[in-house]
Amino acid sequence: MYTRLSAFGALIAFASPALASAGTSVPDPTDFGLFALGVTGLILGHYAARRQPPKE
């Protein structure tokens, strides 16, 4: 467990923007996060609508 935490800490420490090359374009992670959250909401809403009993 501590090995994974130390590896994660090292990854975070070395992933600073100062070390990125000038020609590399990295997309903003919030764009993908919002997209994934929206798709997840659509899927969960679809399943929730299918599970409700029909109204009489």
PDB file of N, CA and C in Angstrom:
ATOM      1  N   MET A   1       0.829  -1.187   0.000  1.00  0.00           N
ATOM      2  CA  MET A   1       0.000   0.000   0.000  1.00  0.00           C
ATOM      3  C   MET A   1       0.873   1.251   0.000  1.00  0.00           C
ATOM      4  N   TYR A   2       1.918   1.253   0.807  1.00  0.00           N
ATOM      5  CA  TYR A   2       2.790   2.415   0.864  1.00  0.00           C
ATOM      6  C   TYR A   2       3.577   2.577  -0.427  1.00  0.00           C
ATOM      7  N   THR A   3       3.814   1.492  -1.117  1.00  0.00           N
ATOM      8  CA  THR A   3       4.528   1.574  -2.385  1.00  0.00           C
ATOM      9  C   THR A   3       3.686   2.324  -3.412  1.00  0.00           C
ATOM     10  N   ARG A   4       2.395   2.029  -3.440  1.00  0.00           N
ATOM     11  CA  ARG A   4       1.513   2.730  -4.375  1.00  0.00           C
ATOM     12  C   ARG A   4       1.398   4.204  -4.026  1.00  0.00           C
ATOM     13  N   LEU A   5       1.307   4.504  -2.723  1.00  0.00           N
ATOM     14  CA  LEU A   5       1.205   5.908  -2.311  1.00  0.00           C
ATOM     15  C   LEU A   5       2.474   6.672  -2.651  1.00  0.00           C
ATOM     16  N   SER A   6       3.626   6.052  -2.447  1.00  0.00           N
ATOM     17  CA  SER A   6       4.871   6.740  -2.764  1.00  0.00           C
ATOM     18  C   SER A   6       5.039   6.905  -4.267  1.00  0.00           C
ATOM     19  N   ALA A   7       4.602   5.907  -5.044  1.00  0.00           N
ATOM     20  CA  ALA A   7       4.671   6.038  -6.497  1.00  0.00           C
ATOM     21  C   ALA A   7       3.727   7.142  -6.973  1.00  0.00           C
ATOM     22  N   PHE A   8       2.545   7.223  -6.377  1.00  0.00           N
ATOM     23  CA  PHE A   8       1.601   8.276  -6.728  1.00  0.00           C
ATOM     24  C   PHE A   8       2.157   9.648  -6.347  1.00  0.00           C
ATOM     25  N   GLY A   9       2.772   9.738  -5.190  1.00  0.00           N
ATOM     26  CA  GLY A   9       3.384  10.996  -4.762  1.00  0.00           C
ATOM     27  C   GLY A   9       4.500  11.430  -5.692  1.00  0.00           C
ATOM     28  N   ALA A  10       5.314  10.474  -6.136  1.00  0.00           N
ATOM     29  CA  ALA A  10       6.384  10.794  -7.068  1.00  0.00           C
ATOM     30  C   ALA A  10       5.821  11.244  -8.411  1.00  0.00           C
ATOM     31  N   LEU A  11       4.743  10.611  -8.840  1.00  0.00           N
ATOM     32  CA  LEU A  11       4.109  10.999 -10.102  1.00  0.00           C
ATOM     33  C   LEU A  11       3.580  12.424 -10.018  1.00  0.00           C
ATOM     34  N   ILE A  12       2.955  12.749  -8.912  1.00  0.00           N
ATOM     35  CA  ILE A  12       2.422  14.107  -8.727  1.00  0.00           C
ATOM     36  C   ILE A  12       3.566  15.124  -8.654  1.00  0.00           C
ATOM     37  N   ALA A  13       4.653  14.766  -7.987  1.00  0.00           N
ATOM     38  CA  ALA A  13       5.768  15.688  -7.834  1.00  0.00           C
ATOM     39  C   ALA A  13       6.441  15.980  -9.173  1.00  0.00           C
ATOM     40  N   PHE A  14       6.514  14.996 -10.050  1.00  0.00           N
ATOM     41  CA  PHE A  14       7.201  15.191 -11.319  1.00  0.00           C
ATOM     42  C   PHE A  14       6.280  15.645 -12.443  1.00  0.00           C
ATOM     43  N   ALA A  15       4.993  15.749 -12.188  1.00  0.00           N
ATOM     44  CA  ALA A  15       4.047  16.145 -13.226  1.00  0.00           C
ATOM     45  C   ALA A  15       3.756  17.636 -13.195  1.00  0.00           C
ATOM     46  N   SER A  16       4.770  18.416 -12.953  1.00  0.00           N
ATOM     47  CA  SER A  16       4.562  19.860 -12.898  1.00  0.00           C
ATOM     48  C   SER A  16       4.551  20.440 -14.311  1.00  0.00           C
ATOM     49  N   PRO A  17       3.807  21.510 -14.535  1.00  0.00           N
ATOM     50  CA  PRO A  17       3.745  22.116 -15.868  1.00  0.00           C
ATOM     51  C   PRO A  17       5.086  22.645 -16.357  1.00  0.00           C
ATOM     52  N   ALA A  18       6.004  22.949 -15.445  1.00  0.00           N
ATOM     53  CA  ALA A  18       7.308  23.477 -15.852  1.00  0.00           C
ATOM     54  C   ALA A  18       8.109  22.432 -16.616  1.00  0.00           C
ATOM     55  N   LEU A  19       7.817  21.166 -16.421  1.00  0.00           N
ATOM     56  CA  LEU A  19       8.576  20.118 -17.098  1.00  0.00           C
ATOM     57  C   LEU A  19       7.984  19.746 -18.456  1.00  0.00           C
ATOM     58  N   ALA A  20       6.832  20.287 -18.807  1.00  0.00           N
ATOM     59  CA  ALA A  20       6.205  19.966 -20.091  1.00  0.00           C
ATOM     60  C   ALA A  20       6.949  20.677 -21.208  1.00  0.00           C
ATOM     61  N   SER A  21       7.052  20.032 -22.352  1.00  0.00           N
ATOM     62  CA  SER A  21       7.721  20.668 -23.486  1.00  0.00           C
ATOM     63  C   SER A  21       6.818  21.746 -24.068  1.00  0.00           C
ATOM     64  N   ALA A  22       7.395  22.709 -24.720  1.00  0.00           N
ATOM     65  CA  ALA A  22       6.650  23.870 -25.198  1.00  0.00           C
ATOM     66  C   ALA A  22       5.687  23.523 -26.325  1.00  0.00           C
ATOM     67  N   GLY A  23       5.960  22.477 -27.123  1.00  0.00           N
ATOM     68  CA  GLY A  23       5.132  22.164 -28.262  1.00  0.00           C
ATOM     69  C   GLY A  23       4.001  21.194 -27.981  1.00  0.00           C
ATOM     70  N   THR A  24       3.887  20.721 -26.754  1.00  0.00           N
ATOM     71  CA  THR A  24       2.881  19.723 -26.418  1.00  0.00           C
ATOM     72  C   THR A  24       1.609  20.397 -25.943  1.00  0.00           C
ATOM     73  N   SER A  25       0.489  20.019 -26.559  1.00  0.00           N
ATOM     74  CA  SER A  25      -0.796  20.559 -26.160  1.00  0.00           C
ATOM     75  C   SER A  25      -1.528  19.509 -25.326  1.00  0.00           C
ATOM     76  N   VAL A  26      -1.829  19.837 -24.087  1.00  0.00           N
ATOM     77  CA  VAL A  26      -2.505  18.919 -23.184  1.00  0.00           C
ATOM     78  C   VAL A  26      -3.904  19.449 -22.921  1.00  0.00           C
ATOM     79  N   PRO A  27      -4.954  18.652 -23.210  1.00  0.00           N
ATOM     80  CA  PRO A  27      -6.317  19.142 -22.986  1.00  0.00           C
ATOM     81  C   PRO A  27      -6.622  19.300 -21.500  1.00  0.00           C
ATOM     82  N   ASP A  28      -7.522  20.189 -21.206  1.00  0.00           N
ATOM     83  CA  ASP A  28      -7.930  20.442 -19.834  1.00  0.00           C
ATOM     84  C   ASP A  28      -8.705  19.230 -19.305  1.00  0.00           C
ATOM     85  N   PRO A  29      -8.334  18.667 -18.170  1.00  0.00           N
ATOM     86  CA  PRO A  29      -9.012  17.472 -17.674  1.00  0.00           C
ATOM     87  C   PRO A  29     -10.459  17.718 -17.258  1.00  0.00           C
ATOM     88  N   THR A  30     -10.829  18.957 -16.988  1.00  0.00           N
ATOM     89  CA  THR A  30     -12.214  19.224 -16.581  1.00  0.00           C
ATOM     90  C   THR A  30     -13.178  19.024 -17.739  1.00  0.00           C
ATOM     91  N   ASP A  31     -12.716  19.240 -18.980  1.00  0.00           N
ATOM     92  CA  ASP A  31     -13.582  19.007 -20.129  1.00  0.00           C
ATOM     93  C   ASP A  31     -13.993  17.539 -20.201  1.00  0.00           C
ATOM     94  N   PHE A  32     -13.026  16.657 -20.061  1.00  0.00           N
ATOM     95  CA  PHE A  32     -13.323  15.227 -20.104  1.00  0.00           C
ATOM     96  C   PHE A  32     -14.169  14.822 -18.899  1.00  0.00           C
ATOM     97  N   GLY A  33     -13.902  15.402 -17.743  1.00  0.00           N
ATOM     98  CA  GLY A  33     -14.671  15.082 -16.541  1.00  0.00           C
ATOM     99  C   GLY A  33     -16.129  15.474 -16.681  1.00  0.00           C
ATOM    100  N   LEU A  34     -16.388  16.650 -17.223  1.00  0.00           N
ATOM    101  CA  LEU A  34     -17.768  17.081 -17.435  1.00  0.00           C
ATOM    102  C   LEU A  34     -18.467  16.218 -18.474  1.00  0.00           C
ATOM    103  N   PHE A  35     -17.749  15.843 -19.526  1.00  0.00           N
ATOM    104  CA  PHE A  35     -18.326  14.971 -20.539  1.00  0.00           C
ATOM    105  C   PHE A  35     -18.679  13.612 -19.942  1.00  0.00           C
ATOM    106  N   ALA A  36     -17.768  13.038 -19.153  1.00  0.00           N
ATOM    107  CA  ALA A  36     -18.015  11.733 -18.535  1.00  0.00           C
ATOM    108  C   ALA A  36     -19.172  11.814 -17.543  1.00  0.00           C
ATOM    109  N   LEU A  37     -19.261  12.900 -16.803  1.00  0.00           N
ATOM    110  CA  LEU A  37     -20.363  13.080 -15.860  1.00  0.00           C
ATOM    111  C   LEU A  37     -21.703  13.178 -16.588  1.00  0.00           C
ATOM    112  N   GLY A  38     -21.735  13.874 -17.717  1.00  0.00           N
ATOM    113  CA  GLY A  38     -22.961  13.973 -18.494  1.00  0.00           C
ATOM    114  C   GLY A  38     -23.392  12.639 -19.075  1.00  0.00           C
ATOM    115  N   VAL A  39     -22.440  11.879 -19.615  1.00  0.00           N
ATOM    116  CA  VAL A  39     -22.767  10.564 -20.172  1.00  0.00           C
ATOM    117  C   VAL A  39     -23.245   9.625 -19.072  1.00  0.00           C
ATOM    118  N   THR A  40     -22.619   9.681 -17.907  1.00  0.00           N
ATOM    119  CA  THR A  40     -23.036   8.854 -16.781  1.00  0.00           C
ATOM    120  C   THR A  40     -24.463   9.208 -16.352  1.00  0.00           C
ATOM    121  N   GLY A  41     -24.785  10.493 -16.321  1.00  0.00           N
ATOM    122  CA  GLY A  41     -26.133  10.921 -15.974  1.00  0.00           C
ATOM    123  C   GLY A  41     -27.172  10.438 -16.969  1.00  0.00           C
ATOM    124  N   LEU A  42     -26.817  10.477 -18.250  1.00  0.00           N
ATOM    125  CA  LEU A  42     -27.746   9.978 -19.261  1.00  0.00           C
ATOM    126  C   LEU A  42     -27.987   8.481 -19.110  1.00  0.00           C
ATOM    127  N   ILE A  43     -26.946   7.737 -18.862  1.00  0.00           N
ATOM    128  CA  ILE A  43     -27.079   6.279 -18.711  1.00  0.00           C
ATOM    129  C   ILE A  43     -27.903   5.951 -17.469  1.00  0.00           C
ATOM    130  N   LEU A  44     -27.592   6.605 -16.345  1.00  0.00           N
ATOM    131  CA  LEU A  44     -28.343   6.340 -15.117  1.00  0.00           C
ATOM    132  C   LEU A  44     -29.804   6.776 -15.253  1.00  0.00           C
ATOM    133  N   GLY A  45     -30.057   7.880 -15.929  1.00  0.00           N
ATOM    134  CA  GLY A  45     -31.426   8.318 -16.153  1.00  0.00           C
ATOM    135  C   GLY A  45     -32.197   7.355 -17.028  1.00  0.00           C
ATOM    136  N   HIS A  46     -31.528   6.782 -18.001  1.00  0.00           N
ATOM    137  CA  HIS A  46     -32.169   5.798 -18.877  1.00  0.00           C
ATOM    138  C   HIS A  46     -32.575   4.561 -18.080  1.00  0.00           C
ATOM    139  N   TYR A  47     -31.671   4.059 -17.240  1.00  0.00           N
ATOM    140  CA  TYR A  47     -31.983   2.873 -16.439  1.00  0.00           C
ATOM    141  C   TYR A  47     -33.047   3.162 -15.387  1.00  0.00           C
ATOM    142  N   ALA A  48     -33.020   4.358 -14.816  1.00  0.00           N
ATOM    143  CA  ALA A  48     -34.027   4.709 -13.810  1.00  0.00           C
ATOM    144  C   ALA A  48     -35.412   4.813 -14.448  1.00  0.00           C
ATOM    145  N   ALA A  49     -35.485   5.323 -15.658  1.00  0.00           N
ATOM    146  CA  ALA A  49     -36.774   5.434 -16.338  1.00  0.00           C
ATOM    147  C   ALA A  49     -37.324   4.063 -16.713  1.00  0.00           C
ATOM    148  N   ARG A  50     -36.460   3.140 -17.008  1.00  0.00           N
ATOM    149  CA  ARG A  50     -36.909   1.794 -17.379  1.00  0.00           C
ATOM    150  C   ARG A  50     -37.365   0.989 -16.173  1.00  0.00           C
ATOM    151  N   ARG A  51     -36.863   1.286 -14.987  1.00  0.00           N
ATOM    152  CA  ARG A  51     -37.171   0.518 -13.792  1.00  0.00           C
ATOM    153  C   ARG A  51     -38.464   0.957 -13.109  1.00  0.00           C
ATOM    154  N   GLN A  52     -38.989   2.127 -13.434  1.00  0.00           N
ATOM    155  CA  GLN A  52     -40.206   2.610 -12.795  1.00  0.00           C
ATOM    156  C   GLN A  52     -41.403   1.818 -13.287  1.00  0.00           C
ATOM    157  N   PRO A  53     -42.317   1.449 -12.390  1.00  0.00           N
ATOM    158  CA  PRO A  53     -43.522   0.730 -12.829  1.00  0.00           C
ATOM    159  C   PRO A  53     -44.415   1.658 -13.657  1.00  0.00           C
ATOM    160  N   PRO A  54     -45.157   1.102 -14.594  1.00  0.00           N
ATOM    161  CA  PRO A  54     -46.043   1.941 -15.418  1.00  0.00           C
ATOM    162  C   PRO A  54     -47.141   2.574 -14.569  1.00  0.00           C
ATOM    163  N   LYS A  55     -47.438   3.822 -14.870  1.00  0.00           N
ATOM    164  CA  LYS A  55     -48.478   4.539 -14.135  1.00  0.00           C
ATOM    165  C   LYS A  55     -49.845   4.197 -14.712  1.00  0.00           C
ATOM    166  N   GLU A  56     -50.803   4.003 -13.822  1.00  0.00           N
ATOM    167  CA  GLU A  56     -52.148   3.626 -14.268  1.00  0.00           C
ATOM    168  C   GLU A  56     -53.100   4.795 -14.145  1.00  0.00           C
TER     169      GLU A  56
END
